[in-house]
Amino acid sequence: MRQFQTVIKSWVGLNGKKGTEGTVTAIRLTGGVPAALFTAANDRTSSIRWIEPGVEYMIMGPRLTKRDCVRMANLQV
């Protein structure tokens, strides 16, 4: 989990850099599980990724908001 936190931090560090679009936000899910919340440049769609004991999870869809992603992820952890 600590390695994934480092990866998330590096993704967040790319926000606003040349050649990137959208943003990545480091968040904590229920129980303190670290997650990366990705938001498109148009701020209309988002996805979320997290890792729990060796399994990577991702929720994405063409019309998911930040709130949708976090809500659905919290139902899974």
C-alpha atoms as a PDB file:
ATOM      1  CA  MET A   1       0.000   0.000   0.000  1.00  0.00           C
ATOM      2  CA  ARG A   2       2.880   2.349   0.762  1.00  0.00           C
ATOM      3  CA  GLN A   3       4.249   1.869  -2.765  1.00  0.00           C
ATOM      4  CA  PHE A   4       0.882   2.819  -4.231  1.00  0.00           C
ATOM      5  CA  GLN A   5       0.844   5.971  -2.086  1.00  0.00           C
ATOM      6  CA  THR A   6       4.171   6.906  -3.691  1.00  0.00           C
ATOM      7  CA  VAL A   7       2.718   6.285  -7.159  1.00  0.00           C
ATOM      8  CA  ILE A   8      -0.322   8.426  -6.343  1.00  0.00           C
ATOM      9  CA  LYS A   9       1.954  11.222  -5.130  1.00  0.00           C
ATOM     10  CA  SER A  10       3.884  11.102  -8.414  1.00  0.00           C
ATOM     11  CA  TRP A  11       0.633  11.259 -10.420  1.00  0.00           C
ATOM     12  CA  VAL A  12      -0.539  14.259  -8.395  1.00  0.00           C
ATOM     13  CA  GLY A  13       2.831  15.897  -9.084  1.00  0.00           C
ATOM     14  CA  LEU A  14       2.072  15.790 -12.812  1.00  0.00           C
ATOM     15  CA  ASN A  15      -1.009  18.015 -12.465  1.00  0.00           C
ATOM     16  CA  GLY A  16      -0.667  21.035 -14.729  1.00  0.00           C
ATOM     17  CA  LYS A  17       2.510  19.788 -16.406  1.00  0.00           C
ATOM     18  CA  LYS A  18       2.968  20.091 -20.157  1.00  0.00           C
ATOM     19  CA  GLY A  19       1.500  17.112 -21.999  1.00  0.00           C
ATOM     20  CA  THR A  20      -1.005  16.220 -19.290  1.00  0.00           C
ATOM     21  CA  GLU A  21      -4.751  16.687 -19.214  1.00  0.00           C
ATOM     22  CA  GLY A  22      -7.140  16.613 -16.289  1.00  0.00           C
ATOM     23  CA  THR A  23      -6.114  16.180 -12.686  1.00  0.00           C
ATOM     24  CA  VAL A  24      -5.310  13.505 -10.148  1.00  0.00           C
ATOM     25  CA  THR A  25      -6.290  13.913  -6.511  1.00  0.00           C
ATOM     26  CA  ALA A  26      -5.019  11.770  -3.644  1.00  0.00           C
ATOM     27  CA  ILE A  27      -7.884  10.765  -1.357  1.00  0.00           C
ATOM     28  CA  ARG A  28      -8.596   8.279   1.422  1.00  0.00           C
ATOM     29  CA  LEU A  29     -11.477   5.862   1.209  1.00  0.00           C
ATOM     30  CA  THR A  30     -13.311   4.297   4.137  1.00  0.00           C
ATOM     31  CA  GLY A  31     -10.832   2.768   6.551  1.00  0.00           C
ATOM     32  CA  GLY A  32      -8.017   5.021   5.336  1.00  0.00           C
ATOM     33  CA  VAL A  33      -7.423   3.173   2.055  1.00  0.00           C
ATOM     34  CA  PRO A  34      -5.404   5.466  -0.260  1.00  0.00           C
ATOM     35  CA  ALA A  35      -6.898   6.072  -3.690  1.00  0.00           C
ATOM     36  CA  ALA A  36      -6.268   8.164  -6.785  1.00  0.00           C
ATOM     37  CA  LEU A  37      -9.197  10.142  -8.173  1.00  0.00           C
ATOM     38  CA  PHE A  38      -8.733  11.053 -11.844  1.00  0.00           C
ATOM     39  CA  THR A  39     -10.797  13.863 -13.368  1.00  0.00           C
ATOM     40  CA  ALA A  40     -10.936  14.724 -17.065  1.00  0.00           C
ATOM     41  CA  ALA A  41      -9.884  18.180 -18.250  1.00  0.00           C
ATOM     42  CA  ASN A  42     -13.539  19.072 -18.902  1.00  0.00           C
ATOM     43  CA  ASP A  43     -14.302  18.185 -15.235  1.00  0.00           C
ATOM     44  CA  ARG A  44     -17.232  16.064 -16.426  1.00  0.00           C
ATOM     45  CA  THR A  45     -15.913  12.536 -15.989  1.00  0.00           C
ATOM     46  CA  SER A  46     -13.859  10.861 -13.315  1.00  0.00           C
ATOM     47  CA  SER A  47     -12.421   7.481 -12.395  1.00  0.00           C
ATOM     48  CA  ILE A  48     -10.865   6.087  -9.235  1.00  0.00           C
ATOM     49  CA  ARG A  49      -8.158   3.481  -8.497  1.00  0.00           C
ATOM     50  CA  TRP A  50      -7.023   1.826  -5.281  1.00  0.00           C
ATOM     51  CA  ILE A  51      -5.224  -1.307  -4.140  1.00  0.00           C
ATOM     52  CA  GLU A  52      -6.200  -3.668  -1.375  1.00  0.00           C
ATOM     53  CA  PRO A  53      -4.013  -6.685  -0.474  1.00  0.00           C
ATOM     54  CA  GLY A  54      -2.536  -7.315  -3.917  1.00  0.00           C
ATOM     55  CA  VAL A  55      -5.637  -6.489  -5.984  1.00  0.00           C
ATOM     56  CA  GLU A  56      -6.011  -3.264  -7.949  1.00  0.00           C
ATOM     57  CA  TYR A  57      -9.516  -1.864  -8.295  1.00  0.00           C
ATOM     58  CA  MET A  58     -10.739   0.731 -10.774  1.00  0.00           C
ATOM     59  CA  ILE A  59     -14.143   2.281 -11.255  1.00  0.00           C
ATOM     60  CA  MET A  60     -14.655   4.240 -14.430  1.00  0.00           C
ATOM     61  CA  GLY A  61     -17.432   5.168 -16.773  1.00  0.00           C
ATOM     62  CA  PRO A  62     -18.307   7.730 -19.376  1.00  0.00           C
ATOM     63  CA  ARG A  63     -20.376   9.902 -17.046  1.00  0.00           C
ATOM     64  CA  LEU A  64     -19.127   9.368 -13.496  1.00  0.00           C
ATOM     65  CA  THR A  65     -18.583  12.405 -11.314  1.00  0.00           C
ATOM     66  CA  LYS A  66     -15.989  12.641  -8.557  1.00  0.00           C
ATOM     67  CA  ARG A  67     -18.735  12.117  -6.001  1.00  0.00           C
ATOM     68  CA  ASP A  68     -20.032   9.035  -7.869  1.00  0.00           C
ATOM     69  CA  CYS A  69     -16.562   7.474  -7.924  1.00  0.00           C
ATOM     70  CA  VAL A  70     -15.870   8.031  -4.247  1.00  0.00           C
ATOM     71  CA  ARG A  71     -19.327   6.828  -3.223  1.00  0.00           C
ATOM     72  CA  MET A  72     -19.029   3.612  -5.256  1.00  0.00           C
ATOM     73  CA  ALA A  73     -15.464   2.946  -4.109  1.00  0.00           C
ATOM     74  CA  ASN A  74     -16.463   3.363  -0.467  1.00  0.00           C
ATOM     75  CA  LEU A  75     -19.163   0.738  -0.985  1.00  0.00           C
ATOM     76  CA  GLN A  76     -16.444  -1.718  -2.083  1.00  0.00           C
ATOM     77  CA  VAL A  77     -13.797  -1.284   0.635  1.00  0.00           C
END
